[in-house]
C-alpha cells in the first residue's frame, strides 16, 4: 500500500520538475510516519519477551529440588 502511495507521489512530483526541497519534504514525512511505528514494534517485542521470561520462571517453581540442605545442630 505504501509503495503504491510513494510511487504515486514520486510521479506527481516528477511531472512538476521537482526541486531538492520536495525530496527532503517527502523523506521527512516518511521518517515522521515510521518512527512511531518502530517504537510500537520495540514495545511489543519487550512485552512479549517479558511474558516468555515469566512463563519460564513459573516453570522453574514447579520443579523439585535436587539438593536438599540438612542442618545438623550439635548440643
PDB file of N, CA and C in Angstrom:
ATOM      1  N   UNK A   1       0.828  -1.189   0.000  1.00  0.00           N
ATOM      2  CA  UNK A   1       0.000   0.000   0.000  1.00  0.00           C
ATOM      3  C   UNK A   1       0.869   1.248   0.000  1.00  0.00           C
ATOM      4  N   UNK A   2       1.850   1.288   0.914  1.00  0.00           N
ATOM      5  CA  UNK A   2       2.694   2.486   0.991  1.00  0.00           C
ATOM      6  C   UNK A   2       3.583   2.616  -0.230  1.00  0.00           C
ATOM      7  N   UNK A   3       3.995   1.490  -0.801  1.00  0.00           N
ATOM      8  CA  UNK A   3       4.831   1.556  -2.002  1.00  0.00           C
ATOM      9  C   UNK A   3       4.066   2.197  -3.150  1.00  0.00           C
ATOM     10  N   UNK A   4       2.783   1.872  -3.249  1.00  0.00           N
ATOM     11  CA  UNK A   4       1.956   2.461  -4.299  1.00  0.00           C
ATOM     12  C   UNK A   4       1.814   3.959  -4.065  1.00  0.00           C
ATOM     13  N   UNK A   5       1.598   4.353  -2.814  1.00  0.00           N
ATOM     14  CA  UNK A   5       1.461   5.774  -2.493  1.00  0.00           C
ATOM     15  C   UNK A   5       2.768   6.519  -2.770  1.00  0.00           C
ATOM     16  N   UNK A   6       3.895   5.928  -2.389  1.00  0.00           N
ATOM     17  CA  UNK A   6       5.195   6.557  -2.650  1.00  0.00           C
ATOM     18  C   UNK A   6       5.418   6.716  -4.148  1.00  0.00           C
ATOM     19  N   UNK A   7       5.065   5.699  -4.918  1.00  0.00           N
ATOM     20  CA  UNK A   7       5.228   5.762  -6.367  1.00  0.00           C
ATOM     21  C   UNK A   7       4.340   6.849  -6.960  1.00  0.00           C
ATOM     22  N   UNK A   8       3.118   6.952  -6.461  1.00  0.00           N
ATOM     23  CA  UNK A   8       2.189   7.970  -6.940  1.00  0.00           C
ATOM     24  C   UNK A   8       2.716   9.373  -6.639  1.00  0.00           C
ATOM     25  N   UNK A   9       3.202   9.581  -5.433  1.00  0.00           N
ATOM     26  CA  UNK A   9       3.751  10.893  -5.065  1.00  0.00           C
ATOM     27  C   UNK A   9       4.973  11.206  -5.917  1.00  0.00           C
ATOM     28  N   UNK A  10       5.821  10.211  -6.141  1.00  0.00           N
ATOM     29  CA  UNK A  10       7.014  10.437  -6.957  1.00  0.00           C
ATOM     30  C   UNK A  10       6.633  10.831  -8.380  1.00  0.00           C
ATOM     31  N   UNK A  11       5.611  10.176  -8.937  1.00  0.00           N
ATOM     32  CA  UNK A  11       5.171  10.523 -10.293  1.00  0.00           C
ATOM     33  C   UNK A  11       4.598  11.929 -10.349  1.00  0.00           C
ATOM     34  N   UNK A  12       3.833  12.323  -9.346  1.00  0.00           N
ATOM     35  CA  UNK A  12       3.272  13.670  -9.323  1.00  0.00           C
ATOM     36  C   UNK A  12       4.366  14.720  -9.201  1.00  0.00           C
ATOM     37  N   UNK A  13       5.333  14.461  -8.343  1.00  0.00           N
ATOM     38  CA  UNK A  13       6.416  15.420  -8.144  1.00  0.00           C
ATOM     39  C   UNK A  13       7.309  15.480  -9.374  1.00  0.00           C
ATOM     40  N   UNK A  14       7.583  14.337  -9.995  1.00  0.00           N
ATOM     41  CA  UNK A  14       8.480  14.330 -11.153  1.00  0.00           C
ATOM     42  C   UNK A  14       7.851  15.023 -12.357  1.00  0.00           C
ATOM     43  N   UNK A  15       6.535  15.061 -12.433  1.00  0.00           N
ATOM     44  CA  UNK A  15       5.870  15.753 -13.532  1.00  0.00           C
ATOM     45  C   UNK A  15       5.993  17.265 -13.385  1.00  0.00           C
ATOM     46  N   UNK A  16       6.267  17.745 -12.190  1.00  0.00           N
ATOM     47  CA  UNK A  16       6.330  19.189 -11.935  1.00  0.00           C
ATOM     48  C   UNK A  16       7.760  19.697 -11.801  1.00  0.00           C
ATOM     49  N   UNK A  17       8.729  18.943 -12.290  1.00  0.00           N
ATOM     50  CA  UNK A  17      10.142  19.317 -12.164  1.00  0.00           C
ATOM     51  C   UNK A  17      10.497  19.575 -10.704  1.00  0.00           C
ATOM     52  N   UNK A  18      10.658  18.514  -9.954  1.00  0.00           N
ATOM     53  CA  UNK A  18      10.884  18.666  -8.508  1.00  0.00           C
ATOM     54  C   UNK A  18      12.215  19.338  -8.196  1.00  0.00           C
ATOM     55  N   UNK A  19      12.212  19.950  -7.054  1.00  0.00           N
ATOM     56  CA  UNK A  19      13.432  20.556  -6.552  1.00  0.00           C
ATOM     57  C   UNK A  19      13.918  19.723  -5.373  1.00  0.00           C
ATOM     58  N   UNK A  20      15.082  20.066  -4.875  1.00  0.00           N
ATOM     59  CA  UNK A  20      15.668  19.315  -3.771  1.00  0.00           C
ATOM     60  C   UNK A  20      14.770  19.356  -2.536  1.00  0.00           C
ATOM     61  N   UNK A  21      14.131  20.473  -2.283  1.00  0.00           N
ATOM     62  CA  UNK A  21      13.253  20.617  -1.121  1.00  0.00           C
ATOM     63  C   UNK A  21      12.078  19.659  -1.145  1.00  0.00           C
ATOM     64  N   UNK A  22      11.593  19.324  -2.340  1.00  0.00           N
ATOM     65  CA  UNK A  22      10.476  18.379  -2.457  1.00  0.00           C
ATOM     66  C   UNK A  22      10.875  16.985  -1.977  1.00  0.00           C
ATOM     67  N   UNK A  23      12.074  16.559  -2.344  1.00  0.00           N
ATOM     68  CA  UNK A  23      12.538  15.246  -1.907  1.00  0.00           C
ATOM     69  C   UNK A  23      12.817  15.230  -0.405  1.00  0.00           C
ATOM     70  N   UNK A  24      13.356  16.329   0.114  1.00  0.00           N
ATOM     71  CA  UNK A  24      13.614  16.415   1.555  1.00  0.00           C
ATOM     72  C   UNK A  24      12.298  16.394   2.325  1.00  0.00           C
ATOM     73  N   UNK A  25      11.296  17.107   1.826  1.00  0.00           N
ATOM     74  CA  UNK A  25       9.981  17.119   2.464  1.00  0.00           C
ATOM     75  C   UNK A  25       9.369  15.720   2.475  1.00  0.00           C
ATOM     76  N   UNK A  26       9.473  15.011   1.367  1.00  0.00           N
ATOM     77  CA  UNK A  26       8.926  13.657   1.294  1.00  0.00           C
ATOM     78  C   UNK A  26       9.662  12.721   2.248  1.00  0.00           C
ATOM     79  N   UNK A  27      10.993  12.819   2.290  1.00  0.00           N
ATOM     80  CA  UNK A  27      11.775  11.987   3.208  1.00  0.00           C
ATOM     81  C   UNK A  27      11.439  12.267   4.659  1.00  0.00           C
ATOM     82  N   UNK A  28      11.254  13.536   4.994  1.00  0.00           N
ATOM     83  CA  UNK A  28      10.886  13.911   6.362  1.00  0.00           C
ATOM     84  C   UNK A  28       9.512  13.348   6.723  1.00  0.00           C
ATOM     85  N   UNK A  29       8.589  13.391   5.772  1.00  0.00           N
ATOM     86  CA  UNK A  29       7.253  12.834   6.001  1.00  0.00           C
ATOM     87  C   UNK A  29       7.329  11.334   6.294  1.00  0.00           C
ATOM     88  N   UNK A  30       8.104  10.617   5.521  1.00  0.00           N
ATOM     89  CA  UNK A  30       8.236   9.170   5.719  1.00  0.00           C
ATOM     90  C   UNK A  30       8.873   8.864   7.074  1.00  0.00           C
ATOM     91  N   UNK A  31       9.898   9.621   7.451  1.00  0.00           N
ATOM     92  CA  UNK A  31      10.550   9.404   8.752  1.00  0.00           C
ATOM     93  C   UNK A  31       9.571   9.652   9.889  1.00  0.00           C
ATOM     94  N   UNK A  32       8.783  10.724   9.799  1.00  0.00           N
ATOM     95  CA  UNK A  32       7.809  11.026  10.850  1.00  0.00           C
ATOM     96  C   UNK A  32       6.716   9.972  10.911  1.00  0.00           C
ATOM     97  N   UNK A  33       6.443   9.330   9.817  1.00  0.00           N
ATOM     98  CA  UNK A  33       5.420   8.290   9.794  1.00  0.00           C
ATOM     99  C   UNK A  33       5.926   6.993  10.418  1.00  0.00           C
ATOM    100  N   UNK A  34       7.141   6.599  10.093  1.00  0.00           N
ATOM    101  CA  UNK A  34       7.639   5.288  10.515  1.00  0.00           C
ATOM    102  C   UNK A  34       8.293   5.278  11.889  1.00  0.00           C
ATOM    103  N   UNK A  35       8.697   6.413  12.417  1.00  0.00           N
ATOM    104  CA  UNK A  35       9.334   6.428  13.739  1.00  0.00           C
ATOM    105  C   UNK A  35       8.394   5.925  14.835  1.00  0.00           C
ATOM    106  N   UNK A  36       7.159   6.414  14.940  1.00  0.00           N
ATOM    107  CA  UNK A  36       6.262   5.853  15.974  1.00  0.00           C
ATOM    108  C   UNK A  36       5.964   4.371  15.757  1.00  0.00           C
ATOM    109  N   UNK A  37       5.872   3.945  14.514  1.00  0.00           N
ATOM    110  CA  UNK A  37       5.628   2.525  14.249  1.00  0.00           C
ATOM    111  C   UNK A  37       6.795   1.677  14.728  1.00  0.00           C
ATOM    112  N   UNK A  38       7.998   2.194  14.595  1.00  0.00           N
ATOM    113  CA  UNK A  38       9.178   1.485  15.085  1.00  0.00           C
ATOM    114  C   UNK A  38       9.115   1.343  16.604  1.00  0.00           C
ATOM    115  N   UNK A  39       8.702   2.396  17.302  1.00  0.00           N
ATOM    116  CA  UNK A  39       8.600   2.323  18.763  1.00  0.00           C
ATOM    117  C   UNK A  39       7.548   1.311  19.199  1.00  0.00           C
ATOM    118  N   UNK A  40       6.411   1.263  18.488  1.00  0.00           N
ATOM    119  CA  UNK A  40       5.384   0.274  18.834  1.00  0.00           C
ATOM    120  C   UNK A  40       5.928  -1.142  18.675  1.00  0.00           C
ATOM    121  N   UNK A  41       6.693  -1.382  17.638  1.00  0.00           N
ATOM    122  CA  UNK A  41       7.298  -2.696  17.441  1.00  0.00           C
ATOM    123  C   UNK A  41       8.274  -3.047  18.549  1.00  0.00           C
ATOM    124  N   UNK A  42       9.047  -2.049  18.992  1.00  0.00           N
ATOM    125  CA  UNK A  42      10.003  -2.277  20.074  1.00  0.00           C
ATOM    126  C   UNK A  42       9.275  -2.609  21.370  1.00  0.00           C
ATOM    127  N   UNK A  43       8.240  -1.843  21.695  1.00  0.00           N
ATOM    128  CA  UNK A  43       7.478  -2.107  22.919  1.00  0.00           C
ATOM    129  C   UNK A  43       6.812  -3.481  22.867  1.00  0.00           C
ATOM    130  N   UNK A  44       6.274  -3.848  21.712  1.00  0.00           N
ATOM    131  CA  UNK A  44       5.634  -5.156  21.575  1.00  0.00           C
ATOM    132  C   UNK A  44       6.643  -6.272  21.829  1.00  0.00           C
ATOM    133  N   UNK A  45       7.841  -6.150  21.272  1.00  0.00           N
ATOM    134  CA  UNK A  45       8.874  -7.173  21.450  1.00  0.00           C
ATOM    135  C   UNK A  45       9.294  -7.280  22.909  1.00  0.00           C
ATOM    136  N   UNK A  46       9.429  -6.139  23.605  1.00  0.00           N
ATOM    137  CA  UNK A  46       9.821  -6.147  25.016  1.00  0.00           C
ATOM    138  C   UNK A  46       8.748  -6.826  25.868  1.00  0.00           C
ATOM    139  N   UNK A  47       7.493  -6.497  25.628  1.00  0.00           N
ATOM    140  CA  UNK A  47       6.395  -7.094  26.398  1.00  0.00           C
ATOM    141  C   UNK A  47       6.313  -8.594  26.134  1.00  0.00           C
ATOM    142  N   UNK A  48       6.461  -8.989  24.881  1.00  0.00           N
ATOM    143  CA  UNK A  48       6.408 -10.413  24.540  1.00  0.00           C
ATOM    144  C   UNK A  48       7.545 -11.175  25.216  1.00  0.00           C
ATOM    145  N   UNK A  49       8.744 -10.621  25.213  1.00  0.00           N
ATOM    146  CA  UNK A  49       9.884 -11.274  25.858  1.00  0.00           C
ATOM    147  C   UNK A  49       9.672 -11.367  27.368  1.00  0.00           C
ATOM    148  N   UNK A  50       9.063 -10.356  27.966  1.00  0.00           N
ATOM    149  CA  UNK A  50       8.796 -10.384  29.404  1.00  0.00           C
ATOM    150  C   UNK A  50       7.822 -11.503  29.760  1.00  0.00           C
ATOM    151  N   UNK A  51       6.789 -11.697  28.948  1.00  0.00           N
ATOM    152  CA  UNK A  51       5.841 -12.780  29.209  1.00  0.00           C
ATOM    153  C   UNK A  51       6.504 -14.148  29.066  1.00  0.00           C
ATOM    154  N   UNK A  52       7.376 -14.288  28.093  1.00  0.00           N
ATOM    155  CA  UNK A  52       8.091 -15.559  27.924  1.00  0.00           C
ATOM    156  C   UNK A  52       8.996 -15.815  29.124  1.00  0.00           C
ATOM    157  N   UNK A  53       9.681 -14.773  29.605  1.00  0.00           N
ATOM    158  CA  UNK A  53      10.542 -14.926  30.783  1.00  0.00           C
ATOM    159  C   UNK A  53       9.730 -15.286  32.027  1.00  0.00           C
ATOM    160  N   UNK A  54       8.544 -14.676  32.184  1.00  0.00           N
ATOM    161  CA  UNK A  54       7.694 -15.005  33.333  1.00  0.00           C
ATOM    162  C   UNK A  54       7.231 -16.454  33.266  1.00  0.00           C
ATOM    163  N   UNK A  55       6.883 -16.920  32.080  1.00  0.00           N
ATOM    164  CA  UNK A  55       6.451 -18.309  31.928  1.00  0.00           C
ATOM    165  C   UNK A  55       7.585 -19.270  32.298  1.00  0.00           C
ATOM    166  N   UNK A  56       8.795 -18.956  31.880  1.00  0.00           N
ATOM    167  CA  UNK A  56       9.946 -19.797  32.231  1.00  0.00           C
ATOM    168  C   UNK A  56      10.194 -19.792  33.735  1.00  0.00           C
ATOM    169  N   UNK A  57      10.010 -18.645  34.373  1.00  0.00           N
ATOM    170  CA  UNK A  57      10.210 -18.545  35.815  1.00  0.00           C
ATOM    171  C   UNK A  57       9.177 -19.395  36.561  1.00  0.00           C
ATOM    172  N   UNK A  58       7.917 -19.369  36.123  1.00  0.00           N
ATOM    173  CA  UNK A  58       6.884 -20.167  36.782  1.00  0.00           C
ATOM    174  C   UNK A  58       7.128 -21.666  36.585  1.00  0.00           C
ATOM    175  N   UNK A  59       7.694 -22.051  35.447  1.00  0.00           N
ATOM    176  CA  UNK A  59       8.041 -23.461  35.241  1.00  0.00           C
ATOM    177  C   UNK A  59       9.144 -23.891  36.202  1.00  0.00           C
ATOM    178  N   UNK A  60      10.064 -22.999  36.507  1.00  0.00           N
ATOM    179  CA  UNK A  60      11.126 -23.319  37.464  1.00  0.00           C
ATOM    180  C   UNK A  60      10.566 -23.569  38.859  1.00  0.00           C
ATOM    181  N   UNK A  61       9.509 -22.860  39.236  1.00  0.00           N
ATOM    182  CA  UNK A  61       8.916 -23.036  40.560  1.00  0.00           C
ATOM    183  C   UNK A  61       8.288 -24.413  40.729  1.00  0.00           C
ATOM    184  N   UNK A  62       7.867 -25.043  39.638  1.00  0.00           N
ATOM    185  CA  UNK A  62       7.199 -26.343  39.743  1.00  0.00           C
ATOM    186  C   UNK A  62       8.182 -27.510  39.810  1.00  0.00           C
ATOM    187  N   UNK A  63       9.452 -27.282  39.515  1.00  0.00           N
ATOM    188  CA  UNK A  63      10.433 -28.369  39.565  1.00  0.00           C
ATOM    189  C   UNK A  63      10.809 -28.698  41.001  1.00  0.00           C
ATOM    190  N   UNK A  64      11.119 -29.985  41.203  1.00  0.00           N
ATOM    191  CA  UNK A  64      11.532 -30.420  42.536  1.00  0.00           C
ATOM    192  C   UNK A  64      13.002 -30.088  42.757  1.00  0.00           C
ATOM    193  N   UNK A  65      13.338 -29.909  44.023  1.00  0.00           N
ATOM    194  CA  UNK A  65      14.722 -29.597  44.363  1.00  0.00           C
ATOM    195  C   UNK A  65      15.572 -30.851  44.252  1.00  0.00           C
ATOM    196  N   UNK A  66      16.771 -30.712  43.711  1.00  0.00           N
ATOM    197  CA  UNK A  66      17.674 -31.854  43.597  1.00  0.00           C
ATOM    198  C   UNK A  66      18.600 -31.943  44.801  1.00  0.00           C
ATOM    199  N   UNK A  67      18.922 -30.822  45.370  1.00  0.00           N
ATOM    200  CA  UNK A  67      19.811 -30.797  46.529  1.00  0.00           C
ATOM    201  C   UNK A  67      19.004 -30.294  47.714  1.00  0.00           C
ATOM    202  N   UNK A  68      19.014 -31.079  48.789  1.00  0.00           N
ATOM    203  CA  UNK A  68      18.282 -30.687  49.989  1.00  0.00           C
ATOM    204  C   UNK A  68      19.305 -30.406  51.074  1.00  0.00           C
ATOM    205  N   UNK A  69      19.214 -29.256  51.660  1.00  0.00           N
ATOM    206  CA  UNK A  69      20.149 -28.847  52.699  1.00  0.00           C
ATOM    207  C   UNK A  69      19.630 -29.347  54.049  1.00  0.00           C
ATOM    208  N   UNK A  70      20.453 -30.093  54.759  1.00  0.00           N
ATOM    209  CA  UNK A  70      20.089 -30.600  56.083  1.00  0.00           C
ATOM    210  C   UNK A  70      20.986 -29.907  57.092  1.00  0.00           C
ATOM    211  N   UNK A  71      20.371 -29.273  58.029  1.00  0.00           N
ATOM    212  CA  UNK A  71      21.112 -28.553  59.062  1.00  0.00           C
ATOM    213  C   UNK A  71      21.201 -29.432  60.302  1.00  0.00           C
ATOM    214  N   UNK A  72      22.417 -29.710  60.729  1.00  0.00           N
ATOM    215  CA  UNK A  72      22.644 -30.545  61.912  1.00  0.00           C
ATOM    216  C   UNK A  72      23.150 -29.631  63.017  1.00  0.00           C
ATOM    217  N   UNK A  73      22.460 -29.693  64.148  1.00  0.00           N
ATOM    218  CA  UNK A  73      22.847 -28.857  65.286  1.00  0.00           C
ATOM    219  C   UNK A  73      23.383 -29.763  66.388  1.00  0.00           C
ATOM    220  N   UNK A  74      24.586 -29.514  66.847  1.00  0.00           N
ATOM    221  CA  UNK A  74      25.164 -30.275  67.963  1.00  0.00           C
ATOM    222  C   UNK A  74      24.841 -29.556  69.267  1.00  0.00           C
ATOM    223  N   UNK A  75      24.515 -30.362  70.295  1.00  0.00           N
ATOM    224  CA  UNK A  75      24.219 -29.771  71.609  1.00  0.00           C
ATOM    225  C   UNK A  75      25.449 -29.503  72.378  1.00  0.00           C
TER     226      UNK A  75
END
